[in-house]
Amino acid sequence: QVQLVESGGGLVQPGGSLRLSCAASRSIRSFNAMGWYRQAPGKERELVAVLDSGGSTNYADSVKGRFTISRDSAKNTVYLQMNNLKSEDTAVYYCLASVVLPVRANYWGQGTQVTVSS
């Protein structure tokens, strides 16, 4: 019913930048919140950044000051700008869309690989 498609991942050197995109199949204003998670091999999936319908943002401590989540409602797209990338940022990044009405539900994209290596 809801499709999310991530793009923009790739290989980047430490200190470099990438911008991830998450394109939704319907208006992102219909979601309670959208965000980005990441998962590295052998580790739990962790929250990276979240943007709620009112425009408020929250970030994991590990990325605060380096990553920025934003949206373009006209394009039904949420972005994650990643600056000063570190090797520890290497992971598959997943887009999340959350709804609370009529019932609470989460929708996930397929993921995009980010590799930070020299």
PDB file of N, CA and C in Angstrom:
ATOM      1  N   GLN A   1       0.820  -1.202   0.000  1.00  0.00           N
ATOM      2  CA  GLN A   1       0.000   0.000   0.000  1.00  0.00           C
ATOM      3  C   GLN A   1       0.861   1.261   0.000  1.00  0.00           C
ATOM      4  N   VAL A   2       1.902   1.278   0.820  1.00  0.00           N
ATOM      5  CA  VAL A   2       2.837   2.387   0.891  1.00  0.00           C
ATOM      6  C   VAL A   2       4.198   1.885   0.435  1.00  0.00           C
ATOM      7  N   GLN A   3       4.779   2.566  -0.534  1.00  0.00           N
ATOM      8  CA  GLN A   3       6.102   2.225  -1.026  1.00  0.00           C
ATOM      9  C   GLN A   3       7.081   3.352  -0.721  1.00  0.00           C
ATOM     10  N   LEU A   4       8.245   2.972  -0.239  1.00  0.00           N
ATOM     11  CA  LEU A   4       9.328   3.898   0.035  1.00  0.00           C
ATOM     12  C   LEU A   4      10.558   3.417  -0.717  1.00  0.00           C
ATOM     13  N   VAL A   5      11.193   4.300  -1.460  1.00  0.00           N
ATOM     14  CA  VAL A   5      12.349   3.939  -2.273  1.00  0.00           C
ATOM     15  C   VAL A   5      13.514   4.832  -1.898  1.00  0.00           C
ATOM     16  N   GLU A   6      14.562   4.221  -1.345  1.00  0.00           N
ATOM     17  CA  GLU A   6      15.762   4.959  -0.978  1.00  0.00           C
ATOM     18  C   GLU A   6      16.740   4.999  -2.149  1.00  0.00           C
ATOM     19  N   SER A   7      17.528   6.054  -2.190  1.00  0.00           N
ATOM     20  CA  SER A   7      18.586   6.171  -3.179  1.00  0.00           C
ATOM     21  C   SER A   7      19.664   7.092  -2.628  1.00  0.00           C
ATOM     22  N   GLY A   8      20.813   7.096  -3.280  1.00  0.00           N
ATOM     23  CA  GLY A   8      21.888   8.003  -2.921  1.00  0.00           C
ATOM     24  C   GLY A   8      23.041   7.381  -2.173  1.00  0.00           C
ATOM     25  N   GLY A   9      22.928   6.114  -1.816  1.00  0.00           N
ATOM     26  CA  GLY A   9      24.018   5.462  -1.130  1.00  0.00           C
ATOM     27  C   GLY A   9      25.188   5.204  -2.059  1.00  0.00           C
ATOM     28  N   GLY A  10      26.308   4.815  -1.474  1.00  0.00           N
ATOM     29  CA  GLY A  10      27.488   4.530  -2.258  1.00  0.00           C
ATOM     30  C   GLY A  10      28.725   4.495  -1.404  1.00  0.00           C
ATOM     31  N   LEU A  11      29.861   4.557  -2.066  1.00  0.00           N
ATOM     32  CA  LEU A  11      31.166   4.530  -1.420  1.00  0.00           C
ATOM     33  C   LEU A  11      31.708   5.944  -1.307  1.00  0.00           C
ATOM     34  N   VAL A  12      32.169   6.307  -0.124  1.00  0.00           N
ATOM     35  CA  VAL A  12      32.714   7.632   0.105  1.00  0.00           C
ATOM     36  C   VAL A  12      33.892   7.522   1.067  1.00  0.00           C
ATOM     37  N   GLN A  13      34.855   8.416   0.923  1.00  0.00           N
ATOM     38  CA  GLN A  13      36.004   8.435   1.819  1.00  0.00           C
ATOM     39  C   GLN A  13      35.649   9.083   3.148  1.00  0.00           C
ATOM     40  N   PRO A  14      36.358   8.722   4.215  1.00  0.00           N
ATOM     41  CA  PRO A  14      36.135   9.408   5.492  1.00  0.00           C
ATOM     42  C   PRO A  14      36.250  10.916   5.334  1.00  0.00           C
ATOM     43  N   GLY A  15      35.332  11.624   5.975  1.00  0.00           N
ATOM     44  CA  GLY A  15      35.271  13.065   5.849  1.00  0.00           C
ATOM     45  C   GLY A  15      34.412  13.556   4.703  1.00  0.00           C
ATOM     46  N   GLY A  16      33.983  12.656   3.851  1.00  0.00           N
ATOM     47  CA  GLY A  16      33.156  13.019   2.719  1.00  0.00           C
ATOM     48  C   GLY A  16      31.698  13.148   3.077  1.00  0.00           C
ATOM     49  N   SER A  17      30.879  13.389   2.052  1.00  0.00           N
ATOM     50  CA  SER A  17      29.452  13.631   2.235  1.00  0.00           C
ATOM     51  C   SER A  17      28.631  12.826   1.248  1.00  0.00           C
ATOM     52  N   LEU A  18      27.418  12.497   1.660  1.00  0.00           N
ATOM     53  CA  LEU A  18      26.420  11.877   0.809  1.00  0.00           C
ATOM     54  C   LEU A  18      25.061  12.436   1.182  1.00  0.00           C
ATOM     55  N   ARG A  19      24.152  12.434   0.222  1.00  0.00           N
ATOM     56  CA  ARG A  19      22.760  12.773   0.494  1.00  0.00           C
ATOM     57  C   ARG A  19      21.873  11.615   0.077  1.00  0.00           C
ATOM     58  N   LEU A  20      21.155  11.061   1.043  1.00  0.00           N
ATOM     59  CA  LEU A  20      20.207   9.998   0.785  1.00  0.00           C
ATOM     60  C   LEU A  20      18.824  10.580   0.537  1.00  0.00           C
ATOM     61  N   SER A  21      18.063   9.928  -0.335  1.00  0.00           N
ATOM     62  CA  SER A  21      16.702  10.333  -0.633  1.00  0.00           C
ATOM     63  C   SER A  21      15.750   9.188  -0.360  1.00  0.00           C
ATOM     64  N   CYS A  22      14.565   9.516   0.099  1.00  0.00           N
ATOM     65  CA  CYS A  22      13.499   8.542   0.306  1.00  0.00           C
ATOM     66  C   CYS A  22      12.248   9.082  -0.359  1.00  0.00           C
ATOM     67  N   ALA A  23      11.855   8.461  -1.462  1.00  0.00           N
ATOM     68  CA  ALA A  23      10.684   8.878  -2.211  1.00  0.00           C
ATOM     69  C   ALA A  23       9.498   8.011  -1.817  1.00  0.00           C
ATOM     70  N   ALA A  24       8.408   8.646  -1.421  1.00  0.00           N
ATOM     71  CA  ALA A  24       7.212   7.947  -0.975  1.00  0.00           C
ATOM     72  C   ALA A  24       6.162   7.921  -2.073  1.00  0.00           C
ATOM     73  N   SER A  25       5.307   6.901  -2.030  1.00  0.00           N
ATOM     74  CA  SER A  25       4.287   6.724  -3.055  1.00  0.00           C
ATOM     75  C   SER A  25       3.052   7.591  -2.834  1.00  0.00           C
ATOM     76  N   ARG A  26       3.002   8.298  -1.740  1.00  0.00           N
ATOM     77  CA  ARG A  26       1.921   9.230  -1.487  1.00  0.00           C
ATOM     78  C   ARG A  26       2.463  10.400  -0.688  1.00  0.00           C
ATOM     79  N   SER A  27       1.620  11.394  -0.463  1.00  0.00           N
ATOM     80  CA  SER A  27       2.042  12.606   0.227  1.00  0.00           C
ATOM     81  C   SER A  27       2.662  12.283   1.577  1.00  0.00           C
ATOM     82  N   ILE A  28       3.846  12.826   1.811  1.00  0.00           N
ATOM     83  CA  ILE A  28       4.496  12.589   3.097  1.00  0.00           C
ATOM     84  C   ILE A  28       3.785  13.319   4.223  1.00  0.00           C
ATOM     85  N   ARG A  29       2.911  14.231   3.883  1.00  0.00           N
ATOM     86  CA  ARG A  29       2.119  14.907   4.909  1.00  0.00           C
ATOM     87  C   ARG A  29       1.069  13.994   5.517  1.00  0.00           C
ATOM     88  N   SER A  30       0.839  12.825   4.906  1.00  0.00           N
ATOM     89  CA  SER A  30      -0.091  11.859   5.455  1.00  0.00           C
ATOM     90  C   SER A  30       0.527  11.004   6.558  1.00  0.00           C
ATOM     91  N   PHE A  31       1.828  11.133   6.789  1.00  0.00           N
ATOM     92  CA  PHE A  31       2.518  10.344   7.791  1.00  0.00           C
ATOM     93  C   PHE A  31       2.706  11.145   9.073  1.00  0.00           C
ATOM     94  N   ASN A  32       2.637  10.427  10.184  1.00  0.00           N
ATOM     95  CA  ASN A  32       2.910  11.058  11.470  1.00  0.00           C
ATOM     96  C   ASN A  32       4.370  11.465  11.588  1.00  0.00           C
ATOM     97  N   ALA A  33       5.249  10.629  11.045  1.00  0.00           N
ATOM     98  CA  ALA A  33       6.672  10.902  11.100  1.00  0.00           C
ATOM     99  C   ALA A  33       7.374  10.104  10.027  1.00  0.00           C
ATOM    100  N   MET A  34       8.537  10.592   9.624  1.00  0.00           N
ATOM    101  CA  MET A  34       9.422   9.853   8.748  1.00  0.00           C
ATOM    102  C   MET A  34      10.822   9.917   9.325  1.00  0.00           C
ATOM    103  N   GLY A  35      11.603   8.901   9.015  1.00  0.00           N
ATOM    104  CA  GLY A  35      12.935   8.879   9.574  1.00  0.00           C
ATOM    105  C   GLY A  35      13.858   7.942   8.847  1.00  0.00           C
ATOM    106  N   TRP A  36      15.066   7.874   9.365  1.00  0.00           N
ATOM    107  CA  TRP A  36      16.104   7.014   8.837  1.00  0.00           C
ATOM    108  C   TRP A  36      16.655   6.136   9.950  1.00  0.00           C
ATOM    109  N   TYR A  37      16.775   4.854   9.652  1.00  0.00           N
ATOM    110  CA  TYR A  37      17.456   3.890  10.498  1.00  0.00           C
ATOM    111  C   TYR A  37      18.648   3.333   9.736  1.00  0.00           C
ATOM    112  N   ARG A  38      19.557   2.719  10.468  1.00  0.00           N
ATOM    113  CA  ARG A  38      20.671   2.041   9.817  1.00  0.00           C
ATOM    114  C   ARG A  38      20.990   0.752  10.557  1.00  0.00           C
ATOM    115  N   GLN A  39      21.580  -0.182   9.824  1.00  0.00           N
ATOM    116  CA  GLN A  39      21.961  -1.456  10.403  1.00  0.00           C
ATOM    117  C   GLN A  39      23.274  -1.926   9.793  1.00  0.00           C
ATOM    118  N   ALA A  40      24.250  -2.138  10.654  1.00  0.00           N
ATOM    119  CA  ALA A  40      25.529  -2.687  10.254  1.00  0.00           C
ATOM    120  C   ALA A  40      25.534  -4.184  10.546  1.00  0.00           C
ATOM    121  N   PRO A  41      26.376  -4.953   9.842  1.00  0.00           N
ATOM    122  CA  PRO A  41      26.422  -6.396  10.082  1.00  0.00           C
ATOM    123  C   PRO A  41      26.692  -6.727  11.544  1.00  0.00           C
ATOM    124  N   GLY A  42      25.894  -7.619  12.094  1.00  0.00           N
ATOM    125  CA  GLY A  42      26.067  -8.044  13.466  1.00  0.00           C
ATOM    126  C   GLY A  42      25.547  -7.085  14.511  1.00  0.00           C
ATOM    127  N   LYS A  43      24.930  -5.993  14.092  1.00  0.00           N
ATOM    128  CA  LYS A  43      24.428  -5.005  15.029  1.00  0.00           C
ATOM    129  C   LYS A  43      22.923  -4.826  14.856  1.00  0.00           C
ATOM    130  N   GLU A  44      22.291  -4.300  15.891  1.00  0.00           N
ATOM    131  CA  GLU A  44      20.868  -4.019  15.832  1.00  0.00           C
ATOM    132  C   GLU A  44      20.601  -2.807  14.958  1.00  0.00           C
ATOM    133  N   ARG A  45      19.414  -2.787  14.372  1.00  0.00           N
ATOM    134  CA  ARG A  45      18.998  -1.616  13.635  1.00  0.00           C
ATOM    135  C   ARG A  45      18.790  -0.459  14.610  1.00  0.00           C
ATOM    136  N   GLU A  46      19.339   0.704  14.286  1.00  0.00           N
ATOM    137  CA  GLU A  46      19.284   1.837  15.187  1.00  0.00           C
ATOM    138  C   GLU A  46      18.707   3.063  14.498  1.00  0.00           C
ATOM    139  N   LEU A  47      18.037   3.872  15.284  1.00  0.00           N
ATOM    140  CA  LEU A  47      17.485   5.118  14.781  1.00  0.00           C
ATOM    141  C   LEU A  47      18.604   6.116  14.523  1.00  0.00           C
ATOM    142  N   VAL A  48      18.569   6.754  13.368  1.00  0.00           N
ATOM    143  CA  VAL A  48      19.539   7.777  13.003  1.00  0.00           C
ATOM    144  C   VAL A  48      18.939   9.167  13.138  1.00  0.00           C
ATOM    145  N   ALA A  49      17.780   9.373  12.528  1.00  0.00           N
ATOM    146  CA  ALA A  49      17.142  10.682  12.530  1.00  0.00           C
ATOM    147  C   ALA A  49      15.657  10.515  12.286  1.00  0.00           C
ATOM    148  N   VAL A  50      14.856  11.412  12.843  1.00  0.00           N
ATOM    149  CA  VAL A  50      13.413  11.374  12.648  1.00  0.00           C
ATOM    150  C   VAL A  50      12.898  12.793  12.466  1.00  0.00           C
ATOM    151  N   LEU A  51      11.894  12.919  11.613  1.00  0.00           N
ATOM    152  CA  LEU A  51      11.245  14.190  11.318  1.00  0.00           C
ATOM    153  C   LEU A  51       9.748  13.982  11.455  1.00  0.00           C
ATOM    154  N   ASP A  52       9.107  14.713  12.360  1.00  0.00           N
ATOM    155  CA  ASP A  52       7.676  14.525  12.530  1.00  0.00           C
ATOM    156  C   ASP A  52       6.886  15.470  11.632  1.00  0.00           C
ATOM    157  N   SER A  53       5.574  15.310  11.645  1.00  0.00           N
ATOM    158  CA  SER A  53       4.726  16.060  10.726  1.00  0.00           C
ATOM    159  C   SER A  53       4.756  17.556  10.994  1.00  0.00           C
ATOM    160  N   GLY A  54       5.131  17.952  12.199  1.00  0.00           N
ATOM    161  CA  GLY A  54       5.241  19.355  12.533  1.00  0.00           C
ATOM    162  C   GLY A  54       6.586  19.968  12.220  1.00  0.00           C
ATOM    163  N   GLY A  55       7.518  19.162  11.736  1.00  0.00           N
ATOM    164  CA  GLY A  55       8.826  19.658  11.373  1.00  0.00           C
ATOM    165  C   GLY A  55       9.890  19.506  12.435  1.00  0.00           C
ATOM    166  N   SER A  56       9.554  18.934  13.580  1.00  0.00           N
ATOM    167  CA  SER A  56      10.546  18.720  14.627  1.00  0.00           C
ATOM    168  C   SER A  56      11.457  17.558  14.264  1.00  0.00           C
ATOM    169  N   THR A  57      12.706  17.655  14.657  1.00  0.00           N
ATOM    170  CA  THR A  57      13.695  16.633  14.341  1.00  0.00           C
ATOM    171  C   THR A  57      14.364  16.114  15.600  1.00  0.00           C
ATOM    172  N   ASN A  58      14.835  14.873  15.514  1.00  0.00           N
ATOM    173  CA  ASN A  58      15.652  14.275  16.554  1.00  0.00           C
ATOM    174  C   ASN A  58      16.730  13.442  15.887  1.00  0.00           C
ATOM    175  N   TYR A  59      17.891  13.374  16.527  1.00  0.00           N
ATOM    176  CA  TYR A  59      19.029  12.664  15.977  1.00  0.00           C
ATOM    177  C   TYR A  59      19.676  11.783  17.026  1.00  0.00           C
ATOM    178  N   ALA A  60      20.245  10.681  16.562  1.00  0.00           N
ATOM    179  CA  ALA A  60      21.092   9.889  17.435  1.00  0.00           C
ATOM    180  C   ALA A  60      22.319  10.702  17.829  1.00  0.00           C
ATOM    181  N   ASP A  61      22.793  10.499  19.049  1.00  0.00           N
ATOM    182  CA  ASP A  61      23.954  11.248  19.511  1.00  0.00           C
ATOM    183  C   ASP A  61      25.164  11.059  18.594  1.00  0.00           C
ATOM    184  N   SER A  62      25.288   9.889  18.009  1.00  0.00           N
ATOM    185  CA  SER A  62      26.446   9.574  17.192  1.00  0.00           C
ATOM    186  C   SER A  62      26.504  10.361  15.889  1.00  0.00           C
ATOM    187  N   VAL A  63      25.379  10.924  15.453  1.00  0.00           N
ATOM    188  CA  VAL A  63      25.346  11.656  14.192  1.00  0.00           C
ATOM    189  C   VAL A  63      24.992  13.124  14.369  1.00  0.00           C
ATOM    190  N   LYS A  64      24.653  13.527  15.564  1.00  0.00           N
ATOM    191  CA  LYS A  64      24.240  14.903  15.818  1.00  0.00           C
ATOM    192  C   LYS A  64      25.346  15.876  15.428  1.00  0.00           C
ATOM    193  N   GLY A  65      24.972  16.896  14.679  1.00  0.00           N
ATOM    194  CA  GLY A  65      25.927  17.870  14.196  1.00  0.00           C
ATOM    195  C   GLY A  65      26.543  17.523  12.869  1.00  0.00           C
ATOM    196  N   ARG A  66      26.376  16.290  12.408  1.00  0.00           N
ATOM    197  CA  ARG A  66      26.920  15.859  11.124  1.00  0.00           C
ATOM    198  C   ARG A  66      25.834  15.544  10.103  1.00  0.00           C
ATOM    199  N   PHE A  67      24.697  15.022  10.563  1.00  0.00           N
ATOM    200  CA  PHE A  67      23.607  14.622   9.676  1.00  0.00           C
ATOM    201  C   PHE A  67      22.438  15.590   9.821  1.00  0.00           C
ATOM    202  N   THR A  68      21.705  15.783   8.736  1.00  0.00           N
ATOM    203  CA  THR A  68      20.517  16.626   8.746  1.00  0.00           C
ATOM    204  C   THR A  68      19.401  15.947   7.975  1.00  0.00           C
ATOM    205  N   ILE A  69      18.241  15.804   8.604  1.00  0.00           N
ATOM    206  CA  ILE A  69      17.069  15.272   7.930  1.00  0.00           C
ATOM    207  C   ILE A  69      16.194  16.432   7.488  1.00  0.00           C
ATOM    208  N   SER A  70      15.641  16.336   6.290  1.00  0.00           N
ATOM    209  CA  SER A  70      14.791  17.384   5.751  1.00  0.00           C
ATOM    210  C   SER A  70      13.767  16.771   4.811  1.00  0.00           C
ATOM    211  N   ARG A  71      12.832  17.577   4.353  1.00  0.00           N
ATOM    212  CA  ARG A  71      11.783  17.080   3.478  1.00  0.00           C
ATOM    213  C   ARG A  71      11.467  18.080   2.383  1.00  0.00           C
ATOM    214  N   ASP A  72      10.942  17.557   1.283  1.00  0.00           N
ATOM    215  CA  ASP A  72      10.382  18.348   0.205  1.00  0.00           C
ATOM    216  C   ASP A  72       9.007  17.754  -0.055  1.00  0.00           C
ATOM    217  N   SER A  73       7.986  18.350   0.532  1.00  0.00           N
ATOM    218  CA  SER A  73       6.641  17.789   0.445  1.00  0.00           C
ATOM    219  C   SER A  73       6.123  17.757  -0.987  1.00  0.00           C
ATOM    220  N   ALA A  74       6.503  18.739  -1.801  1.00  0.00           N
ATOM    221  CA  ALA A  74       6.053  18.781  -3.189  1.00  0.00           C
ATOM    222  C   ALA A  74       6.555  17.581  -3.981  1.00  0.00           C
ATOM    223  N   LYS A  75       7.686  17.018  -3.576  1.00  0.00           N
ATOM    224  CA  LYS A  75       8.263  15.862  -4.249  1.00  0.00           C
ATOM    225  C   LYS A  75       8.041  14.563  -3.487  1.00  0.00           C
ATOM    226  N   ASN A  76       7.298  14.617  -2.393  1.00  0.00           N
ATOM    227  CA  ASN A  76       7.037  13.440  -1.558  1.00  0.00           C
ATOM    228  C   ASN A  76       8.341  12.753  -1.148  1.00  0.00           C
ATOM    229  N   THR A  77       9.324  13.549  -0.787  1.00  0.00           N
ATOM    230  CA  THR A  77      10.659  13.027  -0.553  1.00  0.00           C
ATOM    231  C   THR A  77      11.242  13.553   0.751  1.00  0.00           C
ATOM    232  N   VAL A  78      11.906  12.664   1.471  1.00  0.00           N
ATOM    233  CA  VAL A  78      12.664  13.003   2.662  1.00  0.00           C
ATOM    234  C   VAL A  78      14.134  12.738   2.377  1.00  0.00           C
ATOM    235  N   TYR A  79      14.997  13.599   2.897  1.00  0.00           N
ATOM    236  CA  TYR A  79      16.427  13.507   2.641  1.00  0.00           C
ATOM    237  C   TYR A  79      17.194  13.313   3.939  1.00  0.00           C
ATOM    238  N   LEU A  80      18.368  12.730   3.802  1.00  0.00           N
ATOM    239  CA  LEU A  80      19.327  12.680   4.892  1.00  0.00           C
ATOM    240  C   LEU A  80      20.662  13.157   4.346  1.00  0.00           C
ATOM    241  N   GLN A  81      21.049  14.369   4.720  1.00  0.00           N
ATOM    242  CA  GLN A  81      22.346  14.903   4.343  1.00  0.00           C
ATOM    243  C   GLN A  81      23.364  14.440   5.365  1.00  0.00           C
ATOM    244  N   MET A  82      24.395  13.763   4.911  1.00  0.00           N
ATOM    245  CA  MET A  82      25.410  13.192   5.788  1.00  0.00           C
ATOM    246  C   MET A  82      26.748  13.843   5.464  1.00  0.00           C
ATOM    247  N   ASN A  83      27.298  14.555   6.432  1.00  0.00           N
ATOM    248  CA  ASN A  83      28.579  15.225   6.275  1.00  0.00           C
ATOM    249  C   ASN A  83      29.598  14.643   7.242  1.00  0.00           C
ATOM    250  N   ASN A  84      30.864  14.875   6.935  1.00  0.00           N
ATOM    251  CA  ASN A  84      31.961  14.395   7.781  1.00  0.00           C
ATOM    252  C   ASN A  84      31.779  12.926   8.132  1.00  0.00           C
ATOM    253  N   LEU A  85      31.575  12.122   7.117  1.00  0.00           N
ATOM    254  CA  LEU A  85      31.301  10.706   7.332  1.00  0.00           C
ATOM    255  C   LEU A  85      32.503   9.983   7.930  1.00  0.00           C
ATOM    256  N   LYS A  86      32.191   9.028   8.791  1.00  0.00           N
ATOM    257  CA  LYS A  86      33.192   8.215   9.464  1.00  0.00           C
ATOM    258  C   LYS A  86      32.990   6.752   9.097  1.00  0.00           C
ATOM    259  N   SER A  87      34.020   5.946   9.305  1.00  0.00           N
ATOM    260  CA  SER A  87      33.903   4.529   9.002  1.00  0.00           C
ATOM    261  C   SER A  87      32.781   3.873   9.810  1.00  0.00           C
ATOM    262  N   GLU A  88      32.527   4.380  10.997  1.00  0.00           N
ATOM    263  CA  GLU A  88      31.467   3.848  11.843  1.00  0.00           C
ATOM    264  C   GLU A  88      30.074   4.082  11.275  1.00  0.00           C
ATOM    265  N   ASP A  89      29.959   4.948  10.269  1.00  0.00           N
ATOM    266  CA  ASP A  89      28.674   5.202   9.632  1.00  0.00           C
ATOM    267  C   ASP A  89      28.328   4.164   8.576  1.00  0.00           C
ATOM    268  N   THR A  90      29.249   3.266   8.271  1.00  0.00           N
ATOM    269  CA  THR A  90      29.005   2.237   7.273  1.00  0.00           C
ATOM    270  C   THR A  90      27.852   1.342   7.719  1.00  0.00           C
ATOM    271  N   ALA A  91      26.831   1.241   6.879  1.00  0.00           N
ATOM    272  CA  ALA A  91      25.640   0.462   7.211  1.00  0.00           C
ATOM    273  C   ALA A  91      24.683   0.506   6.032  1.00  0.00           C
ATOM    274  N   VAL A  92      23.647  -0.308   6.113  1.00  0.00           N
ATOM    275  CA  VAL A  92      22.507  -0.165   5.226  1.00  0.00           C
ATOM    276  C   VAL A  92      21.539   0.807   5.885  1.00  0.00           C
ATOM    277  N   TYR A  93      21.145   1.823   5.148  1.00  0.00           N
ATOM    278  CA  TYR A  93      20.254   2.854   5.660  1.00  0.00           C
ATOM    279  C   TYR A  93      18.849   2.625   5.132  1.00  0.00           C
ATOM    280  N   TYR A  94      17.877   2.645   6.043  1.00  0.00           N
ATOM    281  CA  TYR A  94      16.491   2.367   5.720  1.00  0.00           C
ATOM    282  C   TYR A  94      15.617   3.576   6.011  1.00  0.00           C
ATOM    283  N   CYS A  95      14.701   3.851   5.121  1.00  0.00           N
ATOM    284  CA  CYS A  95      13.707   4.888   5.317  1.00  0.00           C
ATOM    285  C   CYS A  95      12.494   4.309   6.032  1.00  0.00           C
ATOM    286  N   LEU A  96      11.929   5.082   6.933  1.00  0.00           N
ATOM    287  CA  LEU A  96      10.753   4.685   7.699  1.00  0.00           C
ATOM    288  C   LEU A  96       9.668   5.735   7.572  1.00  0.00           C
ATOM    289  N   ALA A  97       8.445   5.282   7.367  1.00  0.00           N
ATOM    290  CA  ALA A  97       7.270   6.137   7.456  1.00  0.00           C
ATOM    291  C   ALA A  97       6.340   5.556   8.499  1.00  0.00           C
ATOM    292  N   SER A  98       5.849   6.406   9.371  1.00  0.00           N
ATOM    293  CA  SER A  98       5.015   5.962  10.485  1.00  0.00           C
ATOM    294  C   SER A  98       3.657   6.639  10.435  1.00  0.00           C
ATOM    295  N   VAL A  99       2.631   5.857  10.709  1.00  0.00           N
ATOM    296  CA  VAL A  99       1.281   6.388  10.841  1.00  0.00           C
ATOM    297  C   VAL A  99       0.737   5.976  12.199  1.00  0.00           C
ATOM    298  N   VAL A 100      -0.199   6.753  12.708  1.00  0.00           N
ATOM    299  CA  VAL A 100      -0.831   6.432  13.987  1.00  0.00           C
ATOM    300  C   VAL A 100      -2.337   6.274  13.861  1.00  0.00           C
ATOM    301  N   LEU A 101      -2.921   6.745  12.781  1.00  0.00           N
ATOM    302  CA  LEU A 101      -4.353   6.625  12.534  1.00  0.00           C
ATOM    303  C   LEU A 101      -4.600   6.033  11.164  1.00  0.00           C
ATOM    304  N   PRO A 102      -5.578   5.144  11.036  1.00  0.00           N
ATOM    305  CA  PRO A 102      -6.501   4.672  12.060  1.00  0.00           C
ATOM    306  C   PRO A 102      -5.889   3.711  13.062  1.00  0.00           C
ATOM    307  N   VAL A 103      -4.763   3.094  12.694  1.00  0.00           N
ATOM    308  CA  VAL A 103      -4.005   2.262  13.607  1.00  0.00           C
ATOM    309  C   VAL A 103      -2.532   2.616  13.455  1.00  0.00           C
ATOM    310  N   ARG A 104      -1.748   2.267  14.435  1.00  0.00           N
ATOM    311  CA  ARG A 104      -0.325   2.510  14.378  1.00  0.00           C
ATOM    312  C   ARG A 104       0.342   1.493  13.446  1.00  0.00           C
ATOM    313  N   ALA A 105       1.182   1.979  12.545  1.00  0.00           N
ATOM    314  CA  ALA A 105       1.878   1.102  11.610  1.00  0.00           C
ATOM    315  C   ALA A 105       3.151   1.777  11.121  1.00  0.00           C
ATOM    316  N   ASN A 106       4.128   0.962  10.776  1.00  0.00           N
ATOM    317  CA  ASN A 106       5.388   1.435  10.210  1.00  0.00           C
ATOM    318  C   ASN A 106       5.602   0.813   8.839  1.00  0.00           C
ATOM    319  N   TYR A 107       6.156   1.602   7.926  1.00  0.00           N
ATOM    320  CA  TYR A 107       6.469   1.140   6.583  1.00  0.00           C
ATOM    321  C   TYR A 107       7.948   1.390   6.318  1.00  0.00           C
ATOM    322  N   TRP A 108       8.589   0.422   5.670  1.00  0.00           N
ATOM    323  CA  TRP A 108      10.032   0.463   5.455  1.00  0.00           C
ATOM    324  C   TRP A 108      10.386   0.423   3.980  1.00  0.00           C
ATOM    325  N   GLY A 109      11.453   1.119   3.630  1.00  0.00           N
ATOM    326  CA  GLY A 109      12.034   0.986   2.313  1.00  0.00           C
ATOM    327  C   GLY A 109      12.960  -0.213   2.242  1.00  0.00           C
ATOM    328  N   GLN A 110      13.550  -0.421   1.069  1.00  0.00           N
ATOM    329  CA  GLN A 110      14.379  -1.604   0.842  1.00  0.00           C
ATOM    330  C   GLN A 110      15.810  -1.431   1.341  1.00  0.00           C
ATOM    331  N   GLY A 111      16.211  -0.215   1.617  1.00  0.00           N
ATOM    332  CA  GLY A 111      17.538   0.065   2.120  1.00  0.00           C
ATOM    333  C   GLY A 111      18.512   0.469   1.033  1.00  0.00           C
ATOM    334  N   THR A 112      19.497   1.264   1.407  1.00  0.00           N
ATOM    335  CA  THR A 112      20.570   1.656   0.507  1.00  0.00           C
ATOM    336  C   THR A 112      21.889   1.586   1.269  1.00  0.00           C
ATOM    337  N   GLN A 113      22.902   1.015   0.631  1.00  0.00           N
ATOM    338  CA  GLN A 113      24.181   0.777   1.284  1.00  0.00           C
ATOM    339  C   GLN A 113      25.030   2.037   1.288  1.00  0.00           C
ATOM    340  N   VAL A 114      25.562   2.368   2.450  1.00  0.00           N
ATOM    341  CA  VAL A 114      26.544   3.435   2.598  1.00  0.00           C
ATOM    342  C   VAL A 114      27.828   2.814   3.127  1.00  0.00           C
ATOM    343  N   THR A 115      28.911   2.998   2.396  1.00  0.00           N
ATOM    344  CA  THR A 115      30.208   2.474   2.802  1.00  0.00           C
ATOM    345  C   THR A 115      31.196   3.626   2.885  1.00  0.00           C
ATOM    346  N   VAL A 116      31.799   3.796   4.047  1.00  0.00           N
ATOM    347  CA  VAL A 116      32.783   4.847   4.281  1.00  0.00           C
ATOM    348  C   VAL A 116      34.135   4.173   4.457  1.00  0.00           C
ATOM    349  N   SER A 117      35.012   4.378   3.503  1.00  0.00           N
ATOM    350  CA  SER A 117      36.299   3.696   3.518  1.00  0.00           C
ATOM    351  C   SER A 117      37.307   4.480   2.707  1.00  0.00           C
ATOM    352  N   SER A 118      38.555   4.449   3.157  1.00  0.00           N
ATOM    353  CA  SER A 118      39.641   5.070   2.420  1.00  0.00           C
ATOM    354  C   SER A 118      40.316   4.093   1.477  1.00  0.00           C
TER     355      SER A 118
END
